[in-house]
Amino acid sequence: MGKKKLLLIYLALLPIISYAKIVLPNILNDNMVLQQQTSVKLWGKANPNKKVKVLPSWNEIEYSTIADADGKWMVTVSTPKAGGPYEIRFTDGEELTLKNVLIGEVWFCSGQSNMEMPVRGFEFEFVEGANDMIATANESTPIRMFSSDFNEKGWFRQYSKVPLDNCKGEWFTNTSKNVAPMSAVSYCFARYLQRALNVPVGIVVSSWGGSTVEAWMSEETVRPFGVDLSHLNDDKEVAKPVQQKPCVLFNAKVAPLTNFMIKGMIWYQGESNRHNIEQYARMLPVMVDDYRKRWSLERLPFYYVEIAPHAYGDANGTSAAYFREMQQQLMQVIPNSGMVSTMDIGSRDFIHPPKKEEVGKRLAYWALAKEYGVDNLGYKTPVYKSMEVKEGKVYIAFDNAQGKVHPINRPLSSFEIAGKDRKFYPAEAIVDLATKQLQVWNKEVSEPVAVRYAFHNYAEASLFDYYGLPVAPFRTDKW
């Protein structure tokens, strides 16, 4: 038999040879964290109609199934309490072993550039405390990180017109080298969870700077909104900015991951949708509901971040203020959700605030209080409750403020007041120590009817609760 014919036979057999060994998706790999004390799915490809056995080292149970005609298979495995490291053996005649697997708490982290921003920062934009995070990263601290943006070979982007079965990415251990390019918000969130719970924590990071919410939605959920989906069905390359086209990020960076069991989700996105508030207010709850169904977690915790104070082209404008108001309202619309305020850590000139550690901490406070039962923890953003007018002054009450609001190291500012003419003027404000109520007034407005606080694109927070959390911006009017 000639060499050329042998080569042709080899090439014809190559697809079969490549499946002679079990193939796993990238999310199932060495160094991963599996969610503790639940049922997790393990899946992949093998030879068609072949028996696949799965043997985790944490118990004596052998799980098995038969690969279908396409070679696809899946088993459901019970996980123990947090611990490890463990191994998982897979065999269909040939063996594959995953090593250094931990059992603990797993969170999905998504959004746009403020979620994507790495610990080492962007060019010309730094992350406060980055050196400390990088210097103190230690492989013995059981934090593991999966990124859909880079692996050992480097940085990449991925998107798709159709839902994919696999997502590029890799699990990383907690070393200085691996922490530096990792999402700062996600990493800080994981650090605080791990410290508080003393269990392994895994984060699955899937983000893209400048992305819109519709890019993270499935075709089924976004179609009723009447958005243009022609790019999903034509033969052309997806036009830039790719990350703002509906469905393409969901298809590549979410759909392949929904078999991987998680505890909850954190979300930092919105800047790219701030000019279409009403649509975003309808889209985000639909997206969350869809994710909950796909993960089969009816009450999947969803904690998100308020867009930060920033000029957004006009520091005195109000488009971002109205967007933040909508974000607050979504806490009442999306069950088992919570919002972190960033009113005290924004930047007029930079859209990526450097205080990512504070954002990660505040997200962790929500998770620790709501999901892990940590008592006496301040986590809820104080929000406007009601107002009362007496003798030319407006008295404001708040929810989630533990009975107290106060300034920190500076006089109260960023208040405005209006009378029946609906014109807003700068206002003075104090906190009455006897009643614990906020008083707002302007001597030129004798009959006030409305108050606004920090209600501009960029404003500096001056009002905080007992735990030092900033009061969310508000307006008492509906004009």
Protein backbone atom coordinates (compact mmCIF):
# COMPACT_ATOMS: atom_id res chain seq x y z
CA MET A 1 0.00 0.00 0.00
CA GLY A 2 1.42 3.38 -1.03
CA LYS A 3 2.33 6.12 1.43
CA LYS A 4 -0.26 8.43 -0.13
CA LYS A 5 -3.08 5.92 0.44
CA LEU A 6 -1.94 5.32 4.03
CA LEU A 7 -2.03 9.06 4.64
CA LEU A 8 -5.59 9.29 3.27
CA ILE A 9 -6.73 6.42 5.51
CA TYR A 10 -5.10 8.09 8.53
CA LEU A 11 -6.82 11.39 7.77
CA ALA A 12 -10.16 9.63 7.38
CA LEU A 13 -9.74 7.96 10.76
CA LEU A 14 -8.54 11.13 12.52
CA PRO A 15 -12.00 12.21 13.80
CA ILE A 16 -12.46 8.74 15.33
CA ILE A 17 -8.97 8.70 16.80
CA SER A 18 -9.53 12.09 18.40
CA TYR A 19 -12.56 10.67 20.22
CA ALA A 20 -10.81 7.50 21.33
CA LYS A 21 -10.20 9.36 24.56
CA ILE A 22 -12.89 11.21 26.47
CA VAL A 23 -13.10 14.89 25.64
CA LEU A 24 -14.34 17.35 28.29
CA PRO A 25 -15.45 20.97 27.90
CA ASN A 26 -12.95 23.57 29.07
CA ILE A 27 -15.01 24.43 32.15
CA LEU A 28 -14.38 20.86 33.41
CA ASN A 29 -10.67 20.84 33.99
CA ASP A 30 -7.84 20.58 36.47
CA ASN A 31 -8.01 23.11 39.33
CA MET A 32 -11.78 23.64 39.08
CA VAL A 33 -14.17 24.16 41.99
CA LEU A 34 -17.45 22.25 42.10
CA GLN A 35 -20.43 23.50 44.10
CA GLN A 36 -20.63 21.74 47.45
CA GLN A 37 -23.47 19.56 48.78
CA THR A 38 -25.53 19.40 45.63
CA SER A 39 -25.87 17.49 42.36
CA VAL A 40 -23.49 18.61 39.63
CA LYS A 41 -23.41 17.67 35.97
CA LEU A 42 -20.29 16.30 34.32
CA TRP A 43 -20.40 15.94 30.55
CA GLY A 44 -18.38 15.60 27.39
CA LYS A 45 -17.77 13.45 24.32
CA ALA A 46 -16.60 9.89 23.81
CA ASN A 47 -16.93 7.21 21.18
CA PRO A 48 -20.59 6.96 20.06
CA ASN A 49 -22.65 4.40 22.01
CA LYS A 50 -19.72 3.74 24.34
CA LYS A 51 -20.15 3.26 28.10
CA VAL A 52 -18.59 6.09 30.09
CA LYS A 53 -17.68 5.69 33.76
CA VAL A 54 -17.04 8.57 36.16
CA LEU A 55 -15.30 7.94 39.49
CA PRO A 56 -14.84 10.90 41.87
CA SER A 57 -12.31 10.32 44.65
CA TRP A 58 -14.54 11.81 47.37
CA ASN A 59 -16.83 8.76 47.44
CA GLU A 60 -16.89 5.12 46.40
CA ILE A 61 -19.67 5.54 43.87
CA GLU A 62 -19.20 4.75 40.20
CA TYR A 63 -21.41 6.82 37.91
CA SER A 64 -21.97 5.56 34.37
CA THR A 65 -23.90 6.32 31.21
CA ILE A 66 -23.89 5.50 27.50
CA ALA A 67 -22.69 8.10 24.99
CA ASP A 68 -25.32 8.86 22.36
CA ALA A 69 -24.94 8.49 18.61
CA ASP A 70 -23.00 11.76 18.46
CA GLY A 71 -20.72 10.73 21.30
CA LYS A 72 -22.31 13.11 23.80
CA TRP A 73 -22.81 12.00 27.38
CA MET A 74 -23.67 13.43 30.79
CA VAL A 75 -23.81 12.15 34.36
CA THR A 76 -25.06 13.77 37.55
CA VAL A 77 -22.76 13.44 40.55
CA SER A 78 -23.37 14.24 44.23
CA THR A 79 -20.82 16.51 45.89
CA PRO A 80 -19.84 16.47 49.58
CA LYS A 81 -19.12 19.32 51.97
CA ALA A 82 -16.39 21.76 51.00
CA GLY A 83 -12.95 20.22 50.78
CA GLY A 84 -10.29 18.76 48.56
CA PRO A 85 -8.15 18.48 46.60
CA TYR A 86 -9.80 15.54 44.83
CA GLU A 87 -9.45 13.71 41.54
CA ILE A 88 -12.15 12.66 39.08
CA ARG A 89 -11.48 9.70 36.78
CA PHE A 90 -13.30 9.30 33.48
CA THR A 91 -13.03 6.19 31.36
CA ASP A 92 -14.56 4.70 28.25
CA GLY A 93 -11.80 2.14 27.97
CA GLU A 94 -9.15 4.83 27.98
CA GLU A 95 -8.79 6.94 31.09
CA LEU A 96 -8.74 10.69 31.70
CA THR A 97 -8.18 12.13 35.18
CA LEU A 98 -8.91 15.63 36.44
CA LYS A 99 -6.63 16.66 39.30
CA ASN A 100 -6.56 19.26 42.06
CA VAL A 101 -10.35 19.58 42.10
CA LEU A 102 -11.88 21.45 45.05
CA ILE A 103 -15.42 21.42 46.43
CA GLY A 104 -16.79 24.74 47.67
CA GLU A 105 -18.80 27.75 46.54
CA VAL A 106 -19.05 28.75 42.87
CA TRP A 107 -20.24 32.11 41.52
CA PHE A 108 -20.79 33.31 37.95
CA CYS A 109 -19.50 36.85 37.30
CA SER A 110 -20.53 38.83 34.23
CA GLY A 111 -20.90 42.32 32.79
CA GLN A 112 -18.96 44.90 30.86
CA SER A 113 -15.64 46.69 31.42
CA ASN A 114 -16.04 47.46 35.12
CA MET A 115 -16.46 43.73 35.68
CA GLU A 116 -13.74 42.88 33.17
CA MET A 117 -11.17 45.37 34.55
CA PRO A 118 -8.23 43.25 35.73
CA VAL A 119 -6.48 43.48 39.08
CA ARG A 120 -3.47 45.02 37.32
CA GLY A 121 -5.77 47.69 35.83
CA PHE A 122 -6.19 49.05 32.34
CA GLU A 123 -3.68 51.26 30.56
CA PHE A 124 -3.77 54.68 32.30
CA GLU A 125 -6.38 53.38 34.80
CA PHE A 126 -5.30 51.65 37.99
CA VAL A 127 -6.99 49.44 40.55
CA GLU A 128 -6.52 50.60 44.12
CA GLY A 129 -4.75 47.96 46.21
CA ALA A 130 -3.61 45.97 43.16
CA ASN A 131 -0.08 45.47 44.45
CA ASP A 132 -1.37 44.07 47.72
CA MET A 133 -3.71 41.64 45.96
CA ILE A 134 -0.99 40.45 43.61
CA ALA A 135 1.75 40.25 46.25
CA THR A 136 -0.36 38.31 48.76
CA ALA A 137 -1.92 35.86 46.29
CA ASN A 138 -1.01 32.40 47.50
CA GLU A 139 -1.78 29.06 45.91
CA SER A 140 -2.54 27.62 49.34
CA THR A 141 -5.54 29.97 49.63
CA PRO A 142 -8.31 27.97 47.94
CA ILE A 143 -9.56 30.50 45.40
CA ARG A 144 -9.86 29.27 41.82
CA MET A 145 -10.70 31.37 38.79
CA PHE A 146 -12.08 30.46 35.37
CA SER A 147 -11.88 33.14 32.70
CA SER A 148 -13.59 33.07 29.31
CA ASP A 149 -11.27 35.89 28.21
CA PHE A 150 -7.83 34.29 28.46
CA ASN A 151 -5.89 31.09 29.07
CA GLU A 152 -2.22 30.16 29.38
CA LYS A 153 -1.71 31.00 25.70
CA GLY A 154 -2.99 34.55 26.05
CA TRP A 155 -5.96 36.89 25.73
CA PHE A 156 -8.79 36.25 23.27
CA ARG A 157 -12.33 37.30 22.39
CA GLN A 158 -15.16 34.90 21.64
CA TYR A 159 -18.67 35.39 20.32
CA SER A 160 -21.04 33.35 18.22
CA LYS A 161 -24.18 33.58 16.10
CA VAL A 162 -25.41 30.27 17.52
CA PRO A 163 -25.23 28.73 21.00
CA LEU A 164 -21.99 26.79 21.44
CA ASP A 165 -21.29 23.59 23.34
CA ASN A 166 -17.89 24.69 24.60
CA CYS A 167 -16.38 27.93 25.85
CA LYS A 168 -12.71 28.80 25.59
CA GLY A 169 -11.10 29.35 28.95
CA GLU A 170 -9.12 27.81 31.74
CA TRP A 171 -9.14 27.37 35.51
CA PHE A 172 -6.35 29.18 37.36
CA THR A 173 -5.00 28.79 40.88
CA ASN A 174 -4.47 31.71 43.25
CA THR A 175 -0.96 32.88 42.31
CA SER A 176 0.41 36.35 41.67
CA LYS A 177 0.81 35.56 37.98
CA ASN A 178 -2.78 34.37 37.64
CA VAL A 179 -4.40 37.06 39.78
CA ALA A 180 -2.94 40.05 37.90
CA PRO A 181 -5.05 39.63 34.71
CA MET A 182 -8.17 38.44 36.55
CA SER A 183 -11.33 40.52 36.99
CA ALA A 184 -10.67 42.71 40.03
CA VAL A 185 -14.29 42.88 41.20
CA SER A 186 -14.71 39.11 40.88
CA TYR A 187 -11.43 38.36 42.62
CA CYS A 188 -12.16 40.72 45.52
CA PHE A 189 -15.62 39.18 45.85
CA ALA A 190 -14.05 35.72 46.00
CA ARG A 191 -11.40 36.82 48.53
CA TYR A 192 -13.99 38.10 50.97
CA LEU A 193 -16.24 35.06 50.58
CA GLN A 194 -13.31 32.73 51.14
CA ARG A 195 -12.13 34.60 54.24
CA ALA A 196 -15.60 34.67 55.76
CA LEU A 197 -16.65 31.11 54.93
CA ASN A 198 -13.25 29.40 55.14
CA VAL A 199 -14.11 27.14 52.19
CA PRO A 200 -12.83 26.98 48.61
CA VAL A 201 -14.37 29.57 46.31
CA GLY A 202 -14.51 29.40 42.53
CA ILE A 203 -15.41 32.27 40.22
CA VAL A 204 -16.44 31.82 36.59
CA VAL A 205 -15.80 35.14 34.84
CA SER A 206 -17.53 35.93 31.56
CA SER A 207 -17.38 39.63 30.65
CA TRP A 208 -16.66 42.04 27.77
CA GLY A 209 -16.04 45.78 27.97
CA GLY A 210 -18.66 47.94 26.28
CA SER A 211 -21.19 45.10 26.06
CA THR A 212 -24.94 45.66 26.17
CA VAL A 213 -27.45 43.60 28.11
CA GLU A 214 -28.99 42.28 24.88
CA ALA A 215 -25.64 40.74 23.92
CA TRP A 216 -25.95 38.57 27.03
CA MET A 217 -29.51 37.43 26.24
CA SER A 218 -30.63 34.33 24.36
CA GLU A 219 -32.38 34.65 21.02
CA GLU A 220 -35.65 33.36 22.49
CA THR A 221 -35.73 35.99 25.22
CA VAL A 222 -34.56 39.01 23.22
CA ARG A 223 -36.67 38.45 20.09
CA PRO A 224 -39.94 39.78 21.64
CA PHE A 225 -38.22 43.16 22.18
CA GLY A 226 -38.09 43.74 18.43
CA VAL A 227 -34.33 44.19 18.24
CA ASP A 228 -32.47 43.57 14.99
CA LEU A 229 -31.36 39.93 14.84
CA SER A 230 -30.40 39.81 11.17
CA HIS A 231 -26.74 39.30 12.05
CA LEU A 232 -27.60 35.87 13.47
CA ASN A 233 -28.81 34.54 10.13
CA ASP A 234 -26.61 36.11 7.45
CA ASP A 235 -23.26 34.90 6.12
CA LYS A 236 -21.38 38.06 7.07
CA GLU A 237 -18.96 38.60 9.90
CA VAL A 238 -20.69 40.22 12.89
CA ALA A 239 -20.20 43.97 12.59
CA LYS A 240 -18.33 45.90 15.26
CA PRO A 241 -18.87 46.65 18.05
CA VAL A 242 -19.51 42.92 18.26
CA GLN A 243 -20.17 43.02 22.01
CA GLN A 244 -23.27 45.15 21.49
CA LYS A 245 -25.00 42.77 19.07
CA PRO A 246 -27.85 40.75 20.59
CA CYS A 247 -27.18 37.16 21.65
CA VAL A 248 -23.57 36.81 20.49
CA LEU A 249 -22.04 36.85 23.99
CA PHE A 250 -24.74 34.66 25.46
CA ASN A 251 -24.13 32.11 22.73
CA ALA A 252 -20.36 31.94 23.29
CA LYS A 253 -19.81 32.86 26.94
CA VAL A 254 -22.97 31.78 28.80
CA ALA A 255 -24.77 28.98 26.94
CA PRO A 256 -21.78 26.58 27.13
CA LEU A 257 -21.55 27.10 30.90
CA THR A 258 -25.12 26.55 32.07
CA ASN A 259 -24.57 22.85 32.81
CA PHE A 260 -21.91 23.87 35.33
CA MET A 261 -23.57 24.23 38.72
CA ILE A 262 -23.19 27.57 40.50
CA LYS A 263 -24.37 29.11 43.75
CA GLY A 264 -25.21 32.58 42.43
CA MET A 265 -24.36 35.41 40.07
CA ILE A 266 -22.87 38.90 40.31
CA TRP A 267 -23.39 41.46 37.53
CA TYR A 268 -21.71 44.80 36.76
CA GLN A 269 -23.16 46.22 33.55
CA GLY A 270 -25.35 49.05 32.37
CA GLU A 271 -23.21 51.91 31.12
CA SER A 272 -23.75 50.85 27.49
CA ASN A 273 -27.54 50.82 27.96
CA ARG A 274 -27.99 54.05 29.89
CA HIS A 275 -29.69 55.83 26.97
CA ASN A 276 -32.53 53.29 26.81
CA ILE A 277 -33.71 53.04 30.39
CA GLU A 278 -37.19 51.67 29.79
CA GLN A 279 -35.96 48.84 27.58
CA TYR A 280 -33.20 47.89 30.01
CA ALA A 281 -35.73 47.81 32.85
CA ARG A 282 -37.68 45.20 30.90
CA MET A 283 -34.72 43.26 29.52
CA LEU A 284 -32.68 42.60 32.65
CA PRO A 285 -35.47 40.77 34.57
CA VAL A 286 -36.11 38.63 31.48
CA MET A 287 -32.41 37.81 31.21
CA VAL A 288 -32.20 36.83 34.88
CA ASP A 289 -35.31 34.66 34.62
CA ASP A 290 -33.86 32.92 31.57
CA TYR A 291 -30.56 32.24 33.33
CA ARG A 292 -32.41 30.80 36.32
CA LYS A 293 -34.28 28.40 34.08
CA ARG A 294 -31.16 27.33 32.21
CA TRP A 295 -29.26 26.65 35.43
CA SER A 296 -32.39 25.05 36.94
CA LEU A 297 -32.10 27.39 39.92
CA GLU A 298 -35.45 29.10 40.44
CA ARG A 299 -34.09 31.54 43.03
CA LEU A 300 -30.55 31.94 41.74
CA PRO A 301 -29.12 34.86 43.77
CA PHE A 302 -28.50 37.87 41.53
CA TYR A 303 -26.47 40.74 42.97
CA TYR A 304 -25.61 43.68 40.78
CA VAL A 305 -23.76 46.99 40.85
CA GLU A 306 -25.18 50.47 40.35
CA ILE A 307 -23.39 52.37 37.58
CA ALA A 308 -20.88 54.69 39.19
CA PRO A 309 -20.86 58.51 39.25
CA HIS A 310 -19.08 59.76 36.13
CA ALA A 311 -19.41 62.71 33.75
CA TYR A 312 -20.71 60.56 30.86
CA GLY A 313 -20.09 63.56 28.62
CA ASP A 314 -21.98 65.99 30.89
CA ALA A 315 -21.34 65.88 34.63
CA ASN A 316 -24.46 67.93 35.38
CA GLY A 317 -26.67 65.82 33.12
CA THR A 318 -29.16 63.34 34.53
CA SER A 319 -29.24 60.37 32.14
CA ALA A 320 -27.10 58.26 34.48
CA ALA A 321 -29.15 59.43 37.48
CA TYR A 322 -32.37 58.16 35.92
CA PHE A 323 -30.62 54.91 35.05
CA ARG A 324 -29.51 54.45 38.67
CA GLU A 325 -33.06 55.11 39.81
CA MET A 326 -34.25 52.32 37.53
CA GLN A 327 -31.55 50.01 38.88
CA GLN A 328 -32.82 50.60 42.42
CA GLN A 329 -36.37 49.81 41.35
CA LEU A 330 -35.28 46.51 39.82
CA MET A 331 -34.64 45.16 43.32
CA GLN A 332 -38.43 45.10 43.68
CA VAL A 333 -38.90 43.46 40.27
CA ILE A 334 -36.23 40.73 40.27
CA PRO A 335 -36.80 38.25 43.12
CA ASN A 336 -33.82 37.37 45.32
CA SER A 337 -31.74 40.24 43.99
CA GLY A 338 -29.76 43.06 45.55
CA MET A 339 -27.94 46.18 44.41
CA VAL A 340 -24.63 47.64 45.52
CA SER A 341 -24.36 51.44 45.46
CA THR A 342 -21.13 53.03 44.20
CA MET A 343 -22.03 56.67 44.84
CA ASP A 344 -18.99 57.21 47.06
CA ILE A 345 -16.39 55.59 44.80
CA GLY A 346 -16.97 57.04 41.32
CA SER A 347 -14.73 59.24 39.20
CA ARG A 348 -15.73 62.31 37.23
CA ASP A 349 -13.08 61.73 34.57
CA PHE A 350 -12.63 57.95 34.46
CA ILE A 351 -15.49 55.56 33.75
CA HIS A 352 -13.59 52.76 35.51
CA PRO A 353 -13.36 53.70 39.21
CA PRO A 354 -10.23 52.34 40.93
CA LYS A 355 -11.96 51.14 44.12
CA LYS A 356 -12.81 47.68 42.82
CA GLU A 357 -12.06 46.08 46.17
CA GLU A 358 -14.90 48.03 47.77
CA VAL A 359 -17.31 46.88 45.05
CA GLY A 360 -16.26 43.26 45.54
CA LYS A 361 -16.67 43.58 49.31
CA ARG A 362 -20.16 45.04 49.03
CA LEU A 363 -21.25 42.27 46.68
CA ALA A 364 -19.82 39.75 49.13
CA TYR A 365 -21.79 41.37 51.98
CA TRP A 366 -25.02 40.64 50.09
CA ALA A 367 -24.02 37.03 49.50
CA LEU A 368 -22.80 36.46 53.05
CA ALA A 369 -25.94 37.91 54.61
CA LYS A 370 -28.53 36.43 52.27
CA GLU A 371 -27.04 33.12 51.15
CA TYR A 372 -24.79 32.15 54.02
CA GLY A 373 -26.66 33.49 57.04
CA VAL A 374 -24.04 35.88 58.42
CA ASP A 375 -25.83 37.94 61.09
CA ASN A 376 -25.47 41.62 61.97
CA LEU A 377 -23.93 42.46 58.62
CA GLY A 378 -24.72 45.74 56.88
CA TYR A 379 -25.37 44.95 53.24
CA LYS A 380 -28.53 46.67 51.99
CA THR A 381 -28.13 50.01 50.27
CA PRO A 382 -30.12 52.67 52.17
CA VAL A 383 -32.89 54.00 49.91
CA TYR A 384 -35.42 56.82 50.07
CA LYS A 385 -38.67 55.92 51.85
CA SER A 386 -40.81 59.01 52.41
CA MET A 387 -40.88 62.77 52.90
CA GLU A 388 -42.81 65.21 55.07
CA VAL A 389 -42.92 69.01 54.83
CA LYS A 390 -43.02 71.04 58.06
CA GLU A 391 -42.42 74.78 58.42
CA GLY A 392 -40.53 75.14 55.17
CA LYS A 393 -38.30 72.12 55.68
CA VAL A 394 -38.46 68.67 54.12
CA TYR A 395 -37.95 65.69 56.43
CA ILE A 396 -36.72 62.55 54.69
CA ALA A 397 -36.96 58.96 55.97
CA PHE A 398 -35.08 55.94 54.61
CA ASP A 399 -35.38 52.20 54.33
CA ASN A 400 -32.42 49.88 55.03
CA ALA A 401 -30.65 52.53 57.10
CA GLN A 402 -30.78 50.80 60.50
CA GLY A 403 -32.45 53.94 61.81
CA LYS A 404 -29.50 56.23 61.16
CA VAL A 405 -27.99 58.24 58.34
CA HIS A 406 -25.16 60.71 58.72
CA PRO A 407 -22.30 62.45 56.93
CA ILE A 408 -18.74 61.09 57.13
CA ASN A 409 -15.88 63.57 57.56
CA ARG A 410 -17.59 66.32 55.57
CA PRO A 411 -20.76 68.45 55.54
CA LEU A 412 -23.81 67.18 53.71
CA SER A 413 -23.90 68.18 50.04
CA SER A 414 -25.41 67.25 46.65
CA PHE A 415 -28.94 68.19 47.78
CA GLU A 416 -31.45 70.21 45.74
CA ILE A 417 -34.92 71.45 46.60
CA ALA A 418 -37.84 72.75 44.54
CA GLY A 419 -41.12 74.53 45.12
CA LYS A 420 -44.29 74.50 43.06
CA ASP A 421 -42.45 76.14 40.16
CA ARG A 422 -40.44 72.91 39.79
CA LYS A 423 -37.13 74.76 39.71
CA PHE A 424 -34.40 73.12 41.73
CA TYR A 425 -32.01 75.10 43.90
CA PRO A 426 -28.99 73.99 45.96
CA ALA A 427 -30.17 73.01 49.43
CA GLU A 428 -28.76 72.80 52.92
CA ALA A 429 -29.17 69.61 54.90
CA ILE A 430 -28.56 68.26 58.39
CA VAL A 431 -29.43 65.10 60.28
CA ASP A 432 -31.61 65.80 63.31
CA LEU A 433 -29.97 63.88 66.16
CA ALA A 434 -33.24 63.60 68.08
CA THR A 435 -35.45 62.23 65.30
CA LYS A 436 -32.68 60.64 63.18
CA GLN A 437 -34.36 62.26 60.20
CA LEU A 438 -32.70 64.17 57.42
CA GLN A 439 -33.79 67.81 57.12
CA VAL A 440 -33.44 69.66 53.81
CA TRP A 441 -34.22 73.32 53.10
CA ASN A 442 -33.42 76.49 51.21
CA LYS A 443 -34.56 79.82 52.67
CA GLU A 444 -35.56 81.00 49.20
CA VAL A 445 -37.97 78.06 48.79
CA SER A 446 -40.61 78.72 51.43
CA GLU A 447 -43.03 76.00 50.28
CA PRO A 448 -40.91 73.05 49.15
CA VAL A 449 -42.51 70.15 47.32
CA ALA A 450 -39.55 68.05 46.15
CA VAL A 451 -35.98 67.11 47.05
CA ARG A 452 -33.23 65.48 45.03
CA TYR A 453 -29.99 63.99 46.28
CA ALA A 454 -26.95 63.23 44.11
CA PHE A 455 -29.23 63.22 41.09
CA HIS A 456 -26.74 64.02 38.35
CA ASN A 457 -24.45 61.96 36.15
CA TYR A 458 -21.62 62.83 38.50
CA ALA A 459 -22.26 63.63 42.14
CA GLU A 460 -20.30 63.12 45.34
CA ALA A 461 -21.91 61.10 48.09
CA SER A 462 -22.15 62.74 51.49
CA LEU A 463 -24.80 60.65 53.25
CA PHE A 464 -24.12 57.20 54.72
CA ASP A 465 -25.71 54.64 56.99
CA TYR A 466 -24.50 53.16 60.28
CA TYR A 467 -22.23 50.71 58.43
CA GLY A 468 -20.68 53.32 56.17
CA LEU A 469 -22.68 52.31 53.09
CA PRO A 470 -23.68 55.25 50.88
CA VAL A 471 -27.32 56.25 50.65
CA ALA A 472 -28.55 55.65 47.11
CA PRO A 473 -29.31 58.79 45.06
CA PHE A 474 -32.98 59.70 44.99
CA ARG A 475 -35.66 62.17 43.96
CA THR A 476 -39.01 62.65 45.63
CA ASP A 477 -40.64 64.08 42.50
CA LYS A 478 -41.96 62.27 39.42
CA TRP A 479 -41.45 65.14 36.98
